[in-house]
């Protein structure tokens, strides 16, 4: 069966840098992640352990947290990302 098993772990740290009246604060942080998918959905996708790291800035807004960041994996993929709202 494809995508049968996912093992994933993440460590994240962030620090409040400033307080604002409209927003609850400005934060900076980073995350380290590791994951492995057995029998990946895409045939040429790696089934090895993949490690990645990301750095971000964030703020609490009236519609939830807002993140801007950059991430890179050990297989050479990188991305800029924006995230708005709560991750469910």
PDB file of N, CA and C in Angstrom:
ATOM      1  N   UNK A   1       0.844  -1.178   0.000  1.00  0.00           N
ATOM      2  CA  UNK A   1       0.000   0.000   0.000  1.00  0.00           C
ATOM      3  C   UNK A   1       0.894   1.248   0.000  1.00  0.00           C
ATOM      4  N   UNK A   2       0.559   2.241  -0.819  1.00  0.00           N
ATOM      5  CA  UNK A   2       1.347   3.466  -0.922  1.00  0.00           C
ATOM      6  C   UNK A   2       1.090   4.376   0.271  1.00  0.00           C
ATOM      7  N   UNK A   3       2.142   5.109   0.685  1.00  0.00           N
ATOM      8  CA  UNK A   3       2.005   6.046   1.788  1.00  0.00           C
ATOM      9  C   UNK A   3       1.540   5.388   3.077  1.00  0.00           C
ATOM     10  N   UNK A   4       1.996   4.186   3.290  1.00  0.00           N
ATOM     11  CA  UNK A   4       1.500   3.344   4.372  1.00  0.00           C
ATOM     12  C   UNK A   4       1.873   3.846   5.763  1.00  0.00           C
ATOM     13  N   UNK A   5       3.066   4.417   5.919  1.00  0.00           N
ATOM     14  CA  UNK A   5       3.518   4.788   7.250  1.00  0.00           C
ATOM     15  C   UNK A   5       4.366   6.052   7.196  1.00  0.00           C
ATOM     16  N   UNK A   6       4.080   6.975   8.096  1.00  0.00           N
ATOM     17  CA  UNK A   6       4.846   8.221   8.210  1.00  0.00           C
ATOM     18  C   UNK A   6       5.386   8.312   9.628  1.00  0.00           C
ATOM     19  N   UNK A   7       6.678   8.559   9.734  1.00  0.00           N
ATOM     20  CA  UNK A   7       7.308   8.840  11.017  1.00  0.00           C
ATOM     21  C   UNK A   7       7.816  10.273  10.928  1.00  0.00           C
ATOM     22  N   UNK A   8       7.469  11.113  11.901  1.00  0.00           N
ATOM     23  CA  UNK A   8       7.770  12.541  11.811  1.00  0.00           C
ATOM     24  C   UNK A   8       8.054  13.085  13.208  1.00  0.00           C
ATOM     25  N   UNK A   9       9.024  13.998  13.286  1.00  0.00           N
ATOM     26  CA  UNK A   9       9.317  14.672  14.547  1.00  0.00           C
ATOM     27  C   UNK A   9       9.748  16.105  14.296  1.00  0.00           C
ATOM     28  N   UNK A  10       9.449  16.988  15.242  1.00  0.00           N
ATOM     29  CA  UNK A  10       9.814  18.397  15.100  1.00  0.00           C
ATOM     30  C   UNK A  10      10.172  18.977  16.458  1.00  0.00           C
ATOM     31  N   UNK A  11      11.198  19.818  16.460  1.00  0.00           N
ATOM     32  CA  UNK A  11      11.573  20.617  17.618  1.00  0.00           C
ATOM     33  C   UNK A  11      11.517  22.066  17.151  1.00  0.00           C
ATOM     34  N   UNK A  12      10.824  22.909  17.929  1.00  0.00           N
ATOM     35  CA  UNK A  12      10.680  24.304  17.540  1.00  0.00           C
ATOM     36  C   UNK A  12      10.950  25.199  18.748  1.00  0.00           C
ATOM     37  N   UNK A  13      11.585  26.334  18.476  1.00  0.00           N
ATOM     38  CA  UNK A  13      11.817  27.337  19.520  1.00  0.00           C
ATOM     39  C   UNK A  13      11.511  28.699  18.935  1.00  0.00           C
ATOM     40  N   UNK A  14      10.845  29.542  19.724  1.00  0.00           N
ATOM     41  CA  UNK A  14      10.640  30.924  19.298  1.00  0.00           C
ATOM     42  C   UNK A  14      10.754  31.845  20.496  1.00  0.00           C
ATOM     43  N   UNK A  15      11.085  33.091  20.220  1.00  0.00           N
ATOM     44  CA  UNK A  15      11.322  34.095  21.260  1.00  0.00           C
ATOM     45  C   UNK A  15      10.539  35.353  20.914  1.00  0.00           C
ATOM     46  N   UNK A  16       9.852  35.914  21.900  1.00  0.00           N
ATOM     47  CA  UNK A  16       9.123  37.170  21.692  1.00  0.00           C
ATOM     48  C   UNK A  16      10.119  38.314  21.619  1.00  0.00           C
ATOM     49  N   UNK A  17      10.016  39.115  20.545  1.00  0.00           N
ATOM     50  CA  UNK A  17      10.944  40.224  20.346  1.00  0.00           C
ATOM     51  C   UNK A  17      10.365  41.568  20.759  1.00  0.00           C
ATOM     52  N   UNK A  18       9.054  41.753  20.596  1.00  0.00           N
ATOM     53  CA  UNK A  18       8.440  43.047  20.890  1.00  0.00           C
ATOM     54  C   UNK A  18       6.952  42.877  21.157  1.00  0.00           C
ATOM     55  N   UNK A  19       6.373  43.848  21.882  1.00  0.00           N
ATOM     56  CA  UNK A  19       4.930  43.910  22.120  1.00  0.00           C
ATOM     57  C   UNK A  19       4.331  45.049  21.308  1.00  0.00           C
ATOM     58  N   UNK A  20       3.096  44.849  20.812  1.00  0.00           N
ATOM     59  CA  UNK A  20       2.362  45.876  20.081  1.00  0.00           C
ATOM     60  C   UNK A  20       0.955  45.933  20.639  1.00  0.00           C
ATOM     61  N   UNK A  21       0.297  47.098  20.506  1.00  0.00           N
ATOM     62  CA  UNK A  21      -1.058  47.228  21.031  1.00  0.00           C
ATOM     63  C   UNK A  21      -2.071  46.457  20.190  1.00  0.00           C
ATOM     64  N   UNK A  22      -2.007  46.568  18.854  1.00  0.00           N
ATOM     65  CA  UNK A  22      -2.987  45.886  18.005  1.00  0.00           C
ATOM     66  C   UNK A  22      -2.699  44.385  17.929  1.00  0.00           C
ATOM     67  N   UNK A  23      -1.442  44.030  17.867  1.00  0.00           N
ATOM     68  CA  UNK A  23      -1.045  42.632  17.803  1.00  0.00           C
ATOM     69  C   UNK A  23      -0.449  42.228  19.144  1.00  0.00           C
ATOM     70  N   UNK A  24      -0.406  40.941  19.409  1.00  0.00           N
ATOM     71  CA  UNK A  24       0.080  40.489  20.711  1.00  0.00           C
ATOM     72  C   UNK A  24       1.598  40.440  20.790  1.00  0.00           C
ATOM     73  N   UNK A  25       2.290  40.550  19.693  1.00  0.00           N
ATOM     74  CA  UNK A  25       3.745  40.557  19.749  1.00  0.00           C
ATOM     75  C   UNK A  25       4.383  40.141  18.437  1.00  0.00           C
ATOM     76  N   UNK A  26       5.695  40.343  18.390  1.00  0.00           N
ATOM     77  CA  UNK A  26       6.502  39.933  17.253  1.00  0.00           C
ATOM     78  C   UNK A  26       7.464  38.865  17.750  1.00  0.00           C
ATOM     79  N   UNK A  27       7.557  37.757  17.027  1.00  0.00           N
ATOM     80  CA  UNK A  27       8.369  36.615  17.427  1.00  0.00           C
ATOM     81  C   UNK A  27       9.349  36.248  16.319  1.00  0.00           C
ATOM     82  N   UNK A  28      10.463  35.650  16.699  1.00  0.00           N
ATOM     83  CA  UNK A  28      11.396  35.038  15.753  1.00  0.00           C
ATOM     84  C   UNK A  28      11.673  33.627  16.252  1.00  0.00           C
ATOM     85  N   UNK A  29      11.868  32.701  15.321  1.00  0.00           N
ATOM     86  CA  UNK A  29      12.094  31.333  15.753  1.00  0.00           C
ATOM     87  C   UNK A  29      12.690  30.451  14.679  1.00  0.00           C
ATOM     88  N   UNK A  30      12.885  29.187  15.045  1.00  0.00           N
ATOM     89  CA  UNK A  30      13.402  28.197  14.102  1.00  0.00           C
ATOM     90  C   UNK A  30      12.803  26.839  14.449  1.00  0.00           C
ATOM     91  N   UNK A  31      12.851  25.940  13.477  1.00  0.00           N
ATOM     92  CA  UNK A  31      12.412  24.568  13.714  1.00  0.00           C
ATOM     93  C   UNK A  31      13.370  23.599  13.035  1.00  0.00           C
ATOM     94  N   UNK A  32      13.490  22.423  13.620  1.00  0.00           N
ATOM     95  CA  UNK A  32      14.255  21.314  13.049  1.00  0.00           C
ATOM     96  C   UNK A  32      13.284  20.151  12.922  1.00  0.00           C
ATOM     97  N   UNK A  33      13.254  19.527  11.744  1.00  0.00           N
ATOM     98  CA  UNK A  33      12.289  18.466  11.492  1.00  0.00           C
ATOM     99  C   UNK A  33      12.975  17.260  10.854  1.00  0.00           C
ATOM    100  N   UNK A  34      12.404  16.094  11.090  1.00  0.00           N
ATOM    101  CA  UNK A  34      12.892  14.861  10.478  1.00  0.00           C
ATOM    102  C   UNK A  34      11.672  13.994  10.164  1.00  0.00           C
ATOM    103  N   UNK A  35      11.712  13.323   9.004  1.00  0.00           N
ATOM    104  CA  UNK A  35      10.582  12.492   8.635  1.00  0.00           C
ATOM    105  C   UNK A  35      10.975  11.373   7.686  1.00  0.00           C
ATOM    106  N   UNK A  36      10.149  10.338   7.661  1.00  0.00           N
ATOM    107  CA  UNK A  36      10.364   9.202   6.767  1.00  0.00           C
ATOM    108  C   UNK A  36       9.000   8.643   6.378  1.00  0.00           C
ATOM    109  N   UNK A  37       8.798   8.450   5.070  1.00  0.00           N
ATOM    110  CA  UNK A  37       7.571   7.855   4.548  1.00  0.00           C
ATOM    111  C   UNK A  37       7.928   6.528   3.902  1.00  0.00           C
ATOM    112  N   UNK A  38       7.319   5.441   4.374  1.00  0.00           N
ATOM    113  CA  UNK A  38       7.540   4.150   3.716  1.00  0.00           C
ATOM    114  C   UNK A  38       6.585   4.040   2.534  1.00  0.00           C
ATOM    115  N   UNK A  39       7.057   3.507   1.458  1.00  0.00           N
ATOM    116  CA  UNK A  39       6.282   3.348   0.224  1.00  0.00           C
ATOM    117  C   UNK A  39       5.636   4.670  -0.187  1.00  0.00           C
ATOM    118  N   UNK A  40       6.453   5.693  -0.566  1.00  0.00           N
ATOM    119  CA  UNK A  40       5.888   6.995  -0.924  1.00  0.00           C
ATOM    120  C   UNK A  40       4.903   6.897  -2.097  1.00  0.00           C
ATOM    121  N   UNK A  41       3.987   7.844  -2.155  1.00  0.00           N
ATOM    122  CA  UNK A  41       2.972   7.896  -3.203  1.00  0.00           C
ATOM    123  C   UNK A  41       3.609   8.082  -4.586  1.00  0.00           C
ATOM    124  N   UNK A  42       4.585   8.984  -4.687  1.00  0.00           N
ATOM    125  CA  UNK A  42       5.280   9.231  -5.957  1.00  0.00           C
ATOM    126  C   UNK A  42       6.425   8.226  -6.087  1.00  0.00           C
ATOM    127  N   UNK A  43       6.490   7.479  -7.189  1.00  0.00           N
ATOM    128  CA  UNK A  43       7.481   6.405  -7.312  1.00  0.00           C
ATOM    129  C   UNK A  43       8.936   6.866  -7.178  1.00  0.00           C
ATOM    130  N   UNK A  44       9.283   8.061  -7.628  1.00  0.00           N
ATOM    131  CA  UNK A  44      10.673   8.511  -7.540  1.00  0.00           C
ATOM    132  C   UNK A  44      10.941   9.333  -6.278  1.00  0.00           C
ATOM    133  N   UNK A  45      10.005   9.399  -5.347  1.00  0.00           N
ATOM    134  CA  UNK A  45      10.236  10.099  -4.086  1.00  0.00           C
ATOM    135  C   UNK A  45      11.109   9.241  -3.180  1.00  0.00           C
ATOM    136  N   UNK A  46      11.892   9.919  -2.362  1.00  0.00           N
ATOM    137  CA  UNK A  46      12.800   9.221  -1.454  1.00  0.00           C
ATOM    138  C   UNK A  46      12.038   8.540  -0.318  1.00  0.00           C
ATOM    139  N   UNK A  47      12.465   7.345   0.026  1.00  0.00           N
ATOM    140  CA  UNK A  47      11.928   6.695   1.227  1.00  0.00           C
ATOM    141  C   UNK A  47      12.958   6.744   2.352  1.00  0.00           C
ATOM    142  N   UNK A  48      14.035   7.532   2.145  1.00  0.00           N
ATOM    143  CA  UNK A  48      15.046   7.734   3.181  1.00  0.00           C
ATOM    144  C   UNK A  48      14.541   8.741   4.212  1.00  0.00           C
ATOM    145  N   UNK A  49      15.254   8.849   5.308  1.00  0.00           N
ATOM    146  CA  UNK A  49      14.963   9.871   6.306  1.00  0.00           C
ATOM    147  C   UNK A  49      15.344  11.232   5.708  1.00  0.00           C
ATOM    148  N   UNK A  50      14.434  12.201   5.793  1.00  0.00           N
ATOM    149  CA  UNK A  50      14.692  13.554   5.287  1.00  0.00           C
ATOM    150  C   UNK A  50      14.700  14.500   6.476  1.00  0.00           C
ATOM    151  N   UNK A  51      15.738  15.336   6.536  1.00  0.00           N
ATOM    152  CA  UNK A  51      15.876  16.314   7.610  1.00  0.00           C
ATOM    153  C   UNK A  51      15.698  17.710   7.016  1.00  0.00           C
ATOM    154  N   UNK A  52      15.144  18.623   7.811  1.00  0.00           N
ATOM    155  CA  UNK A  52      14.970  19.994   7.339  1.00  0.00           C
ATOM    156  C   UNK A  52      15.068  20.970   8.510  1.00  0.00           C
ATOM    157  N   UNK A  53      15.247  22.235   8.150  1.00  0.00           N
ATOM    158  CA  UNK A  53      15.306  23.308   9.136  1.00  0.00           C
ATOM    159  C   UNK A  53      14.591  24.523   8.557  1.00  0.00           C
ATOM    160  N   UNK A  54      14.039  25.352   9.418  1.00  0.00           N
ATOM    161  CA  UNK A  54      13.350  26.564   8.984  1.00  0.00           C
ATOM    162  C   UNK A  54      13.586  27.670   9.995  1.00  0.00           C
ATOM    163  N   UNK A  55      13.586  28.902   9.498  1.00  0.00           N
ATOM    164  CA  UNK A  55      13.650  30.095  10.338  1.00  0.00           C
ATOM    165  C   UNK A  55      12.437  30.948   9.975  1.00  0.00           C
ATOM    166  N   UNK A  56      11.835  31.618  10.965  1.00  0.00           N
ATOM    167  CA  UNK A  56      10.619  32.374  10.688  1.00  0.00           C
ATOM    168  C   UNK A  56      10.484  33.569  11.616  1.00  0.00           C
ATOM    169  N   UNK A  57       9.638  34.521  11.194  1.00  0.00           N
ATOM    170  CA  UNK A  57       9.155  35.589  12.060  1.00  0.00           C
ATOM    171  C   UNK A  57       7.638  35.430  12.100  1.00  0.00           C
ATOM    172  N   UNK A  58       7.023  35.849  13.187  1.00  0.00           N
ATOM    173  CA  UNK A  58       5.576  35.655  13.341  1.00  0.00           C
ATOM    174  C   UNK A  58       4.988  36.759  14.200  1.00  0.00           C
ATOM    175  N   UNK A  59       3.680  36.947  14.064  1.00  0.00           N
ATOM    176  CA  UNK A  59       2.951  37.863  14.920  1.00  0.00           C
ATOM    177  C   UNK A  59       1.579  37.273  15.204  1.00  0.00           C
ATOM    178  N   UNK A  60       0.978  37.660  16.311  1.00  0.00           N
ATOM    179  CA  UNK A  60      -0.398  37.286  16.620  1.00  0.00           C
ATOM    180  C   UNK A  60      -1.295  38.388  16.093  1.00  0.00           C
ATOM    181  N   UNK A  61      -2.207  38.055  15.199  1.00  0.00           N
ATOM    182  CA  UNK A  61      -3.112  39.038  14.611  1.00  0.00           C
ATOM    183  C   UNK A  61      -4.550  38.733  15.049  1.00  0.00           C
ATOM    184  N   UNK A  62      -5.492  39.620  14.752  1.00  0.00           N
ATOM    185  CA  UNK A  62      -6.901  39.350  15.098  1.00  0.00           C
ATOM    186  C   UNK A  62      -7.463  38.093  14.412  1.00  0.00           C
ATOM    187  N   UNK A  63      -6.858  37.630  13.322  1.00  0.00           N
ATOM    188  CA  UNK A  63      -7.338  36.422  12.640  1.00  0.00           C
ATOM    189  C   UNK A  63      -6.485  35.199  12.958  1.00  0.00           C
ATOM    190  N   UNK A  64      -5.579  35.323  13.913  1.00  0.00           N
ATOM    191  CA  UNK A  64      -4.709  34.211  14.296  1.00  0.00           C
ATOM    192  C   UNK A  64      -3.256  34.523  13.997  1.00  0.00           C
ATOM    193  N   UNK A  65      -2.373  33.562  14.224  1.00  0.00           N
ATOM    194  CA  UNK A  65      -0.955  33.804  13.988  1.00  0.00           C
ATOM    195  C   UNK A  65      -0.652  33.960  12.497  1.00  0.00           C
ATOM    196  N   UNK A  66       0.356  34.784  12.201  1.00  0.00           N
ATOM    197  CA  UNK A  66       0.823  35.002  10.827  1.00  0.00           C
ATOM    198  C   UNK A  66       2.326  34.746  10.816  1.00  0.00           C
ATOM    199  N   UNK A  67       2.768  33.803   9.982  1.00  0.00           N
ATOM    200  CA  UNK A  67       4.177  33.415   9.888  1.00  0.00           C
ATOM    201  C   UNK A  67       4.730  33.762   8.515  1.00  0.00           C
ATOM    202  N   UNK A  68       5.988  34.195   8.472  1.00  0.00           N
ATOM    203  CA  UNK A  68       6.759  34.338   7.241  1.00  0.00           C
ATOM    204  C   UNK A  68       8.078  33.631   7.500  1.00  0.00           C
ATOM    205  N   UNK A  69       8.510  32.775   6.586  1.00  0.00           N
ATOM    206  CA  UNK A  69       9.749  32.053   6.864  1.00  0.00           C
ATOM    207  C   UNK A  69      10.423  31.463   5.649  1.00  0.00           C
ATOM    208  N   UNK A  70      11.538  30.812   5.921  1.00  0.00           N
ATOM    209  CA  UNK A  70      12.340  30.126   4.914  1.00  0.00           C
ATOM    210  C   UNK A  70      12.730  28.766   5.466  1.00  0.00           C
ATOM    211  N   UNK A  71      12.604  27.733   4.647  1.00  0.00           N
ATOM    212  CA  UNK A  71      12.976  26.391   5.062  1.00  0.00           C
ATOM    213  C   UNK A  71      13.831  25.705   4.014  1.00  0.00           C
ATOM    214  N   UNK A  72      14.657  24.757   4.466  1.00  0.00           N
ATOM    215  CA  UNK A  72      15.530  24.008   3.554  1.00  0.00           C
ATOM    216  C   UNK A  72      15.679  22.586   4.075  1.00  0.00           C
ATOM    217  N   UNK A  73      15.636  21.616   3.152  1.00  0.00           N
ATOM    218  CA  UNK A  73      15.813  20.215   3.528  1.00  0.00           C
ATOM    219  C   UNK A  73      17.196  19.732   3.110  1.00  0.00           C
ATOM    220  N   UNK A  74      17.613  18.596   3.688  1.00  0.00           N
ATOM    221  CA  UNK A  74      18.945  18.082   3.374  1.00  0.00           C
ATOM    222  C   UNK A  74      19.050  17.525   1.961  1.00  0.00           C
ATOM    223  N   UNK A  75      17.929  17.348   1.256  1.00  0.00           N
ATOM    224  CA  UNK A  75      18.005  16.889  -0.127  1.00  0.00           C
ATOM    225  C   UNK A  75      18.057  18.054  -1.119  1.00  0.00           C
ATOM    226  N   UNK A  76      18.191  19.306  -0.607  1.00  0.00           N
ATOM    227  CA  UNK A  76      18.393  20.473  -1.459  1.00  0.00           C
ATOM    228  C   UNK A  76      17.145  21.267  -1.779  1.00  0.00           C
ATOM    229  N   UNK A  77      15.964  20.816  -1.366  1.00  0.00           N
ATOM    230  CA  UNK A  77      14.749  21.590  -1.602  1.00  0.00           C
ATOM    231  C   UNK A  77      14.658  22.723  -0.595  1.00  0.00           C
ATOM    232  N   UNK A  78      14.218  23.894  -1.069  1.00  0.00           N
ATOM    233  CA  UNK A  78      14.023  25.005  -0.157  1.00  0.00           C
ATOM    234  C   UNK A  78      12.747  25.743  -0.525  1.00  0.00           C
ATOM    235  N   UNK A  79      12.245  26.543   0.420  1.00  0.00           N
ATOM    236  CA  UNK A  79      11.000  27.262   0.161  1.00  0.00           C
ATOM    237  C   UNK A  79      10.868  28.472   1.066  1.00  0.00           C
ATOM    238  N   UNK A  80      10.178  29.472   0.538  1.00  0.00           N
ATOM    239  CA  UNK A  80       9.700  30.593   1.327  1.00  0.00           C
ATOM    240  C   UNK A  80       8.244  30.278   1.647  1.00  0.00           C
ATOM    241  N   UNK A  81       7.789  30.588   2.845  1.00  0.00           N
ATOM    242  CA  UNK A  81       6.408  30.270   3.183  1.00  0.00           C
ATOM    243  C   UNK A  81       5.739  31.373   3.964  1.00  0.00           C
ATOM    244  N   UNK A  82       4.436  31.448   3.808  1.00  0.00           N
ATOM    245  CA  UNK A  82       3.553  32.328   4.564  1.00  0.00           C
ATOM    246  C   UNK A  82       2.431  31.452   5.097  1.00  0.00           C
ATOM    247  N   UNK A  83       2.100  31.624   6.344  1.00  0.00           N
ATOM    248  CA  UNK A  83       1.035  30.846   6.950  1.00  0.00           C
ATOM    249  C   UNK A  83       0.167  31.777   7.772  1.00  0.00           C
ATOM    250  N   UNK A  84      -1.158  31.682   7.592  1.00  0.00           N
ATOM    251  CA  UNK A  84      -2.089  32.516   8.338  1.00  0.00           C
ATOM    252  C   UNK A  84      -3.122  31.610   8.999  1.00  0.00           C
ATOM    253  N   UNK A  85      -3.323  31.774  10.298  1.00  0.00           N
ATOM    254  CA  UNK A  85      -4.328  30.994  11.015  1.00  0.00           C
ATOM    255  C   UNK A  85      -3.718  29.910  11.856  1.00  0.00           C
ATOM    256  N   UNK A  86      -4.579  29.082  12.417  1.00  0.00           N
ATOM    257  CA  UNK A  86      -4.159  28.016  13.315  1.00  0.00           C
ATOM    258  C   UNK A  86      -3.961  26.712  12.544  1.00  0.00           C
ATOM    259  N   UNK A  87      -2.839  26.009  12.752  1.00  0.00           N
ATOM    260  CA  UNK A  87      -2.591  24.752  12.027  1.00  0.00           C
ATOM    261  C   UNK A  87      -3.353  23.590  12.651  1.00  0.00           C
ATOM    262  N   UNK A  88      -4.418  23.164  12.021  1.00  0.00           N
ATOM    263  CA  UNK A  88      -5.202  22.036  12.522  1.00  0.00           C
ATOM    264  C   UNK A  88      -5.101  20.901  11.557  1.00  0.00           C
TER     265      UNK A  88
END
